[in-house]
Amino acid sequence: MELRDLRGIGKTYEKKLNEAGIKSVEKLALANEKEIASKIGVKQDKIKKWKEEARRIIGIANAEIIDDIPKISFIEIEDDKARVKIKEYWHNAKLYKGNFDEIKSKIEKEKVAVYLSKKPKLWFNGKWHDKIPYKIKKKWWRWRK
């Protein structure tokens, strides 16, 4: 399916979307409405309608492109807690440490979880994702000494 197949997108908008990095219906379904609207010079409501139609047509489950998860996600770790931002939404996630092989099956029962070794790995949408940007926050009174 082409971007032009969506209601309201002709050759001109398709070209503008392509120039903004949106080259497929799947990419549009994952796009940040505000960011794309400012890049191509249209109202955010128009992008929202296109995005809703794209999601409806392809089904949101099919819209996730596994290579895009590192681009649209961020992990924040503080103490023994993790929060994961996927697109614009924050999710509380269980944080796991220890022998990966021993706890992997337990982690995979969660919807969203983070495994922390040297670098965190994200368990999301039934798949493992690496190379997610992250930040480990420390309480100021712990490092003040």
Protein backbone atom coordinates (compact mmCIF):
# COMPACT_ATOMS: atom_id res chain seq x y z
CA MET A 1 0.00 0.00 0.00
CA GLU A 2 1.24 3.47 -0.90
CA LEU A 3 0.84 6.70 1.04
CA ARG A 4 -1.27 8.00 -1.88
CA ASP A 5 -3.81 5.28 -1.13
CA LEU A 6 -4.79 7.14 2.06
CA ARG A 7 -7.62 9.68 1.87
CA GLY A 8 -6.28 13.21 1.44
CA ILE A 9 -2.75 12.25 0.37
CA GLY A 10 -1.91 12.96 -3.25
CA LYS A 11 1.39 13.29 -5.04
CA THR A 12 2.26 16.60 -3.35
CA TYR A 13 1.68 15.42 0.22
CA GLU A 14 3.30 12.09 -0.51
CA LYS A 15 6.43 13.93 -1.70
CA LYS A 16 6.44 16.15 1.41
CA LEU A 17 5.98 13.14 3.68
CA ASN A 18 8.82 11.31 1.92
CA GLU A 19 11.09 14.32 2.39
CA ALA A 20 10.19 14.29 6.10
CA GLY A 21 11.25 10.63 6.34
CA ILE A 22 7.79 9.07 6.06
CA LYS A 23 8.06 6.68 3.13
CA SER A 24 5.47 4.06 4.02
CA VAL A 25 2.05 3.68 5.58
CA GLU A 26 3.70 1.84 8.49
CA LYS A 27 6.06 4.77 9.14
CA LEU A 28 3.10 7.16 9.07
CA ALA A 29 1.26 5.01 11.62
CA LEU A 30 4.24 5.41 13.99
CA ALA A 31 5.00 9.05 13.23
CA ASN A 32 4.94 11.88 15.73
CA GLU A 33 2.02 14.04 14.57
CA LYS A 34 3.39 17.34 15.86
CA GLU A 35 6.84 16.78 14.40
CA ILE A 36 5.58 15.75 10.96
CA ALA A 37 3.02 18.57 10.84
CA SER A 38 5.75 21.15 11.43
CA LYS A 39 8.09 19.54 8.89
CA ILE A 40 5.58 19.52 6.04
CA GLY A 41 3.61 22.62 6.98
CA VAL A 42 0.13 21.22 7.64
CA LYS A 43 -2.13 21.22 10.66
CA GLN A 44 -1.58 18.49 13.22
CA ASP A 45 -5.24 17.40 12.89
CA LYS A 46 -4.64 16.47 9.25
CA ILE A 47 -1.66 14.29 10.21
CA LYS A 48 -3.76 12.74 12.98
CA LYS A 49 -6.48 11.75 10.47
CA TRP A 50 -3.92 10.27 8.09
CA LYS A 51 -2.28 8.42 10.94
CA GLU A 52 -5.59 7.00 12.20
CA GLU A 53 -6.47 5.77 8.72
CA ALA A 54 -3.01 4.24 8.30
CA ARG A 55 -3.37 2.40 11.62
CA ARG A 56 -6.87 1.23 10.75
CA ILE A 57 -5.86 -0.03 7.30
CA ILE A 58 -2.75 -1.94 8.31
CA GLY A 59 -3.76 -2.78 11.86
CA ILE A 60 -1.59 -1.30 14.59
CA ALA A 61 0.04 -4.67 15.34
CA ASN A 62 1.46 -4.65 11.82
CA ALA A 63 2.57 -1.03 12.11
CA GLU A 64 5.44 -1.72 14.47
CA ILE A 65 8.68 -2.02 12.60
CA ILE A 66 11.14 -3.75 14.88
CA ASP A 67 14.08 -1.64 13.66
CA ASP A 68 12.21 1.52 14.69
CA ILE A 69 11.82 0.60 18.37
CA PRO A 70 15.30 1.95 19.28
CA LYS A 71 14.43 5.18 17.46
CA ILE A 72 11.13 5.74 19.27
CA SER A 73 11.99 4.42 22.74
CA PHE A 74 13.92 5.48 25.81
CA ILE A 75 14.63 3.63 29.06
CA GLU A 76 14.99 5.43 32.38
CA ILE A 77 16.29 3.44 35.36
CA GLU A 78 16.24 4.68 38.94
CA ASP A 79 16.99 2.42 41.89
CA ASP A 80 15.21 -0.86 41.17
CA LYS A 81 12.56 0.66 38.91
CA ALA A 82 12.39 1.26 35.20
CA ARG A 83 10.24 3.45 33.02
CA VAL A 84 10.11 3.04 29.28
CA LYS A 85 9.00 5.71 26.86
CA ILE A 86 7.68 4.25 23.63
CA LYS A 87 6.59 6.93 21.19
CA GLU A 88 5.09 9.59 23.45
CA TYR A 89 3.85 7.22 26.17
CA TRP A 90 5.60 6.23 29.39
CA HIS A 91 5.22 2.69 30.73
CA ASN A 92 6.25 1.43 34.15
CA ALA A 93 8.37 -1.64 33.59
CA LYS A 94 9.74 -4.29 35.89
CA LEU A 95 13.50 -4.21 36.12
CA TYR A 96 15.33 -7.53 36.16
CA LYS A 97 18.96 -8.28 36.97
CA GLY A 98 20.82 -11.55 37.35
CA ASN A 99 21.47 -14.60 35.23
CA PHE A 100 19.60 -13.94 31.99
CA ASP A 101 19.11 -17.60 31.09
CA GLU A 102 17.52 -18.30 34.48
CA ILE A 103 15.08 -15.37 34.47
CA LYS A 104 14.34 -14.98 30.75
CA SER A 105 11.09 -16.97 30.85
CA LYS A 106 9.87 -14.94 33.84
CA ILE A 107 10.62 -11.65 32.05
CA GLU A 108 8.83 -12.79 28.91
CA LYS A 109 5.56 -13.10 30.85
CA GLU A 110 5.52 -9.31 31.28
CA LYS A 111 4.08 -6.82 28.80
CA VAL A 112 6.99 -4.39 29.24
CA ALA A 113 10.19 -5.24 31.11
CA VAL A 114 13.82 -4.24 31.20
CA TYR A 115 16.74 -6.60 31.74
CA LEU A 116 19.85 -4.82 33.01
CA SER A 117 23.31 -6.20 32.53
CA LYS A 118 25.97 -3.89 31.08
CA LYS A 119 23.34 -2.29 28.85
CA PRO A 120 19.58 -2.67 29.20
CA LYS A 121 17.48 -4.86 26.92
CA LEU A 122 13.81 -4.11 26.42
CA TRP A 123 11.09 -6.75 26.38
CA PHE A 124 8.11 -5.21 24.59
CA ASN A 125 5.29 -6.47 22.42
CA GLY A 126 6.50 -10.06 22.69
CA LYS A 127 10.00 -9.30 21.40
CA TRP A 128 13.46 -8.40 22.69
CA HIS A 129 14.92 -5.06 21.62
CA ASP A 130 18.55 -3.94 21.95
CA LYS A 131 20.31 -0.61 21.47
CA ILE A 132 17.60 1.39 23.21
CA PRO A 133 18.85 4.76 24.46
CA TYR A 134 18.85 4.84 28.26
CA LYS A 135 19.72 6.84 31.35
CA ILE A 136 20.48 5.52 34.80
CA LYS A 137 19.45 8.11 37.37
CA LYS A 138 21.06 8.22 40.78
CA LYS A 139 19.68 9.96 43.82
CA TRP A 140 21.79 13.04 44.54
CA TRP A 141 22.37 12.09 48.17
CA ARG A 142 23.91 8.76 47.15
CA TRP A 143 26.69 10.22 45.02
CA ARG A 144 27.29 13.39 47.02
CA LYS A 145 30.09 12.00 49.22
